[in-house]
């Protein structure tokens, strides 16, 4: 039986992030990727110029038609952009009792552009996090979700505890944006650290790539901590195989 995983995310014309990157990562793990588009973007390696959400009713329609026929072993959410879409996805997860849900809470781009509407973080906290197996914010996203400023690894732990209180089974805060380290925190009631070394340069799609690798490993039957270790190792290889094709950030050749 073919192992399948579903990504619900944004469309990236550069192919370096969003659902295109998720599908490439899934394939790297021998997982067949299903996809539902929640947002359209105008972007390239230099950044995001514009975003247009797909209507929530059509996101729900895509999901209903797909899930009436196929049942993924894991689900990864990326850019949902609107409260309407967050709620449509949450209702679908409940309706179909979907398991191994990985939420990559896309809130800000690497260049600092907002990638969601104003009330999306609150909707994510209230409606999506209670349904998640794991949520994977970067430092900036963890600050928004927790309301805690993060300057140190101790702050990361405080933020992870706060985010876990919204209902996610586990929280992984990726530390690539923290000054002085690139260690990731896996919090499942206890803090576990995954050591990393910061790669020189700027990279497009790091959060998408990590969370997709995590979702693929969960689909293959791994637990959260083992899946996080596997995803971290996958990222190390991805950084080594990155390349330049535009005028901005490097892309991952996964």
Protein backbone atom coordinates (compact mmCIF):
# COMPACT_ATOMS: atom_id res chain seq x y z
CA UNK A 1 0.00 0.00 0.00
CA UNK A 2 1.33 3.42 -0.96
CA UNK A 3 1.97 5.76 1.97
CA UNK A 4 0.28 9.14 1.41
CA UNK A 5 0.49 12.56 3.04
CA UNK A 6 -1.58 15.69 2.42
CA UNK A 7 -0.35 19.27 2.30
CA UNK A 8 -2.79 22.17 2.62
CA UNK A 9 -0.73 25.21 1.76
CA UNK A 10 0.03 28.09 -0.57
CA UNK A 11 1.18 28.02 -4.19
CA UNK A 12 4.72 29.33 -4.74
CA UNK A 13 5.65 30.07 -8.38
CA UNK A 14 9.36 29.61 -7.55
CA UNK A 15 8.73 26.07 -6.32
CA UNK A 16 10.99 26.69 -3.33
CA UNK A 17 8.28 26.77 -0.66
CA UNK A 18 4.59 26.06 -0.22
CA UNK A 19 2.87 22.99 -1.52
CA UNK A 20 5.34 22.46 -4.38
CA UNK A 21 8.21 22.11 -1.92
CA UNK A 22 6.10 19.92 0.37
CA UNK A 23 5.38 17.52 -2.48
CA UNK A 24 9.07 17.30 -3.39
CA UNK A 25 9.98 16.56 0.22
CA UNK A 26 7.27 13.91 0.50
CA UNK A 27 8.66 12.21 -2.59
CA UNK A 28 12.17 12.25 -1.09
CA UNK A 29 10.77 10.12 1.75
CA UNK A 30 8.95 7.71 -0.57
CA UNK A 31 5.60 9.24 0.37
CA UNK A 32 2.95 10.04 -2.25
CA UNK A 33 1.83 13.64 -1.87
CA UNK A 34 -1.74 14.94 -2.02
CA UNK A 35 -2.31 18.69 -2.08
CA UNK A 36 -4.99 21.31 -1.52
CA UNK A 37 -4.35 24.96 -2.40
CA UNK A 38 -5.30 27.49 0.29
CA UNK A 39 -3.57 30.60 -1.09
CA UNK A 40 -1.93 31.91 -4.25
CA UNK A 41 1.23 33.97 -4.10
CA UNK A 42 3.24 36.20 -6.39
CA UNK A 43 6.80 35.57 -5.21
CA UNK A 44 10.31 34.66 -6.26
CA UNK A 45 13.61 33.96 -4.52
CA UNK A 46 13.76 37.58 -3.33
CA UNK A 47 10.46 37.50 -1.44
CA UNK A 48 6.67 37.61 -1.51
CA UNK A 49 5.11 40.43 -3.52
CA UNK A 50 1.42 39.58 -3.11
CA UNK A 51 -0.97 36.96 -1.71
CA UNK A 52 -4.54 36.04 -2.67
CA UNK A 53 -6.44 33.55 -0.50
CA UNK A 54 -8.49 30.78 -2.01
CA UNK A 55 -12.08 31.07 -0.75
CA UNK A 56 -12.73 29.00 2.36
CA UNK A 57 -15.70 27.25 0.77
CA UNK A 58 -13.50 26.10 -2.09
CA UNK A 59 -10.76 24.92 0.28
CA UNK A 60 -13.43 22.87 2.04
CA UNK A 61 -14.71 21.60 -1.31
CA UNK A 62 -11.23 20.49 -2.38
CA UNK A 63 -10.81 18.64 0.91
CA UNK A 64 -14.22 16.97 0.86
CA UNK A 65 -13.86 15.65 -2.68
CA UNK A 66 -10.31 14.43 -2.04
CA UNK A 67 -10.99 12.81 1.34
CA UNK A 68 -14.13 11.07 0.12
CA UNK A 69 -11.76 9.02 -2.04
CA UNK A 70 -8.33 9.03 -0.35
CA UNK A 71 -7.21 9.03 3.27
CA UNK A 72 -3.71 10.42 3.99
CA UNK A 73 -1.61 9.05 6.83
CA UNK A 74 -0.48 12.54 7.79
CA UNK A 75 -1.56 16.12 7.11
CA UNK A 76 0.65 19.20 6.93
CA UNK A 77 -0.78 22.71 6.92
CA UNK A 78 1.19 25.69 5.67
CA UNK A 79 -0.03 29.10 4.50
CA UNK A 80 -3.77 29.19 5.14
CA UNK A 81 -3.83 33.03 5.11
CA UNK A 82 -7.43 33.65 6.17
CA UNK A 83 -9.51 32.85 9.26
CA UNK A 84 -12.06 31.30 6.91
CA UNK A 85 -9.44 28.84 5.68
CA UNK A 86 -8.15 28.02 9.17
CA UNK A 87 -11.69 27.18 10.23
CA UNK A 88 -12.41 25.15 7.09
CA UNK A 89 -9.30 23.06 7.70
CA UNK A 90 -10.12 22.58 11.37
CA UNK A 91 -13.65 21.42 10.56
CA UNK A 92 -12.27 18.96 8.03
CA UNK A 93 -9.75 17.51 10.46
CA UNK A 94 -12.55 16.90 12.95
CA UNK A 95 -15.03 15.60 10.39
CA UNK A 96 -12.64 13.01 8.95
CA UNK A 97 -10.74 12.30 12.20
CA UNK A 98 -7.44 13.01 10.43
CA UNK A 99 -4.32 11.92 12.29
CA UNK A 100 -0.68 13.03 12.40
CA UNK A 101 -1.49 16.70 11.82
CA UNK A 102 1.55 18.97 11.47
CA UNK A 103 0.82 22.70 11.54
CA UNK A 104 3.46 25.01 10.10
CA UNK A 105 1.89 28.31 11.24
CA UNK A 106 2.91 30.52 8.34
CA UNK A 107 2.64 34.05 9.73
CA UNK A 108 5.69 35.98 8.48
CA UNK A 109 8.00 35.54 5.51
CA UNK A 110 11.78 35.47 5.96
CA UNK A 111 11.81 39.08 4.74
CA UNK A 112 9.27 40.12 7.40
CA UNK A 113 6.17 40.35 5.21
CA UNK A 114 2.89 39.31 6.83
CA UNK A 115 1.63 36.07 5.31
CA UNK A 116 -1.75 35.96 7.00
CA UNK A 117 -4.70 38.19 7.77
CA UNK A 118 -4.90 39.98 11.11
CA UNK A 119 -6.95 37.49 13.14
CA UNK A 120 -5.36 34.29 11.83
CA UNK A 121 -2.99 33.69 14.80
CA UNK A 122 -5.95 33.80 17.19
CA UNK A 123 -7.91 31.36 14.99
CA UNK A 124 -4.91 29.05 14.82
CA UNK A 125 -4.58 29.07 18.62
CA UNK A 126 -8.29 28.45 19.21
CA UNK A 127 -9.30 26.10 16.41
CA UNK A 128 -6.27 24.44 14.83
CA UNK A 129 -3.74 23.83 17.61
CA UNK A 130 -6.08 21.62 19.69
CA UNK A 131 -6.22 19.24 16.70
CA UNK A 132 -2.48 19.11 16.02
CA UNK A 133 -0.01 16.35 16.69
CA UNK A 134 2.75 18.93 16.42
CA UNK A 135 3.09 22.62 15.57
CA UNK A 136 6.38 23.92 14.12
CA UNK A 137 6.77 27.71 14.51
CA UNK A 138 10.02 29.52 13.89
CA UNK A 139 11.17 32.07 16.47
CA UNK A 140 9.05 34.92 15.09
CA UNK A 141 5.94 32.76 14.77
CA UNK A 142 6.44 31.37 18.27
CA UNK A 143 6.55 34.94 19.60
CA UNK A 144 3.23 35.73 17.91
CA UNK A 145 1.53 32.53 19.07
CA UNK A 146 2.83 32.67 22.64
CA UNK A 147 2.97 36.43 23.25
CA UNK A 148 6.47 35.90 24.67
CA UNK A 149 9.52 37.71 23.30
CA UNK A 150 12.25 35.22 22.45
CA UNK A 151 15.89 36.18 22.81
CA UNK A 152 17.35 33.08 24.48
CA UNK A 153 16.85 29.32 24.56
CA UNK A 154 15.19 29.76 27.95
CA UNK A 155 12.66 32.04 26.25
CA UNK A 156 12.09 29.32 23.64
CA UNK A 157 11.17 26.89 26.41
CA UNK A 158 8.75 29.36 27.99
CA UNK A 159 7.12 30.01 24.62
CA UNK A 160 6.83 26.28 23.87
CA UNK A 161 5.09 25.66 27.18
CA UNK A 162 2.67 28.51 26.49
CA UNK A 163 1.90 27.28 22.96
CA UNK A 164 1.35 23.74 24.22
CA UNK A 165 -1.37 25.08 26.50
CA UNK A 166 -3.49 25.76 23.40
CA UNK A 167 -3.75 22.01 22.85
CA UNK A 168 -1.06 20.76 20.46
CA UNK A 169 0.41 17.44 21.57
CA UNK A 170 3.93 18.67 20.82
CA UNK A 171 5.63 21.94 19.89
CA UNK A 172 8.81 22.24 17.86
CA UNK A 173 10.32 25.72 17.78
CA UNK A 174 12.97 25.92 15.08
CA UNK A 175 15.88 28.03 16.24
CA UNK A 176 17.43 29.19 12.98
CA UNK A 177 16.41 32.82 13.60
CA UNK A 178 17.82 32.93 17.14
CA UNK A 179 21.08 34.85 17.45
CA UNK A 180 24.00 32.60 18.27
CA UNK A 181 22.50 29.15 17.67
CA UNK A 182 20.43 27.02 15.33
CA UNK A 183 19.16 24.54 17.91
CA UNK A 184 15.57 23.33 17.68
CA UNK A 185 13.39 22.72 20.71
CA UNK A 186 11.03 19.73 20.82
CA UNK A 187 8.55 20.13 23.67
CA UNK A 188 6.13 17.32 24.53
CA UNK A 189 5.75 18.04 28.23
CA UNK A 190 9.53 17.84 28.51
CA UNK A 191 12.12 19.87 26.63
CA UNK A 192 14.38 18.06 24.17
CA UNK A 193 17.04 19.92 22.19
CA UNK A 194 18.22 19.11 18.68
CA UNK A 195 21.59 20.71 18.10
CA UNK A 196 22.27 22.45 14.84
CA UNK A 197 24.78 24.73 13.16
CA UNK A 198 23.68 27.85 11.32
CA UNK A 199 24.30 27.69 7.57
CA UNK A 200 25.74 30.80 5.98
CA UNK A 201 23.43 32.69 3.65
CA UNK A 202 19.67 33.09 3.25
CA UNK A 203 17.38 30.22 2.29
CA UNK A 204 13.86 30.00 0.89
CA UNK A 205 11.38 27.47 2.27
CA UNK A 206 13.19 26.30 5.40
CA UNK A 207 10.01 26.04 7.50
CA UNK A 208 8.09 24.27 4.73
CA UNK A 209 10.91 21.81 4.15
CA UNK A 210 11.34 20.92 7.82
CA UNK A 211 7.64 20.49 8.54
CA UNK A 212 7.07 18.47 5.36
CA UNK A 213 9.93 16.14 6.33
CA UNK A 214 8.33 15.81 9.76
CA UNK A 215 4.91 15.00 8.24
CA UNK A 216 6.45 12.44 5.89
CA UNK A 217 8.15 10.67 8.79
CA UNK A 218 4.92 10.63 10.81
CA UNK A 219 3.16 9.11 7.80
CA UNK A 220 5.80 6.39 7.81
CA UNK A 221 4.96 5.55 11.41
CA UNK A 222 7.63 7.44 13.35
CA UNK A 223 6.91 9.15 16.65
CA UNK A 224 7.24 12.91 16.97
CA UNK A 225 10.70 12.97 18.55
CA UNK A 226 12.18 10.46 16.08
CA UNK A 227 10.51 12.29 13.20
CA UNK A 228 12.03 15.57 14.42
CA UNK A 229 15.52 14.02 14.52
CA UNK A 230 15.01 12.70 10.99
CA UNK A 231 13.72 16.08 9.76
CA UNK A 232 16.70 17.88 11.33
CA UNK A 233 19.12 15.53 9.55
CA UNK A 234 17.20 16.03 6.32
CA UNK A 235 17.63 19.79 6.68
CA UNK A 236 21.39 19.43 7.10
CA UNK A 237 21.55 17.59 3.79
CA UNK A 238 19.20 20.12 2.17
CA UNK A 239 21.44 23.02 3.14
CA UNK A 240 24.43 21.25 1.58
CA UNK A 241 22.50 20.70 -1.66
CA UNK A 242 21.02 24.20 -1.90
CA UNK A 243 21.57 26.26 -5.03
CA UNK A 244 21.12 29.73 -6.51
CA UNK A 245 18.88 30.26 -9.50
CA UNK A 246 17.53 33.78 -8.91
CA UNK A 247 18.67 37.05 -7.39
CA UNK A 248 17.56 36.33 -3.82
CA UNK A 249 17.61 33.41 -1.40
CA UNK A 250 19.02 29.97 -2.09
CA UNK A 251 16.61 27.11 -2.86
CA UNK A 252 16.70 23.52 -1.64
CA UNK A 253 17.30 20.78 -4.22
CA UNK A 254 15.50 17.96 -2.39
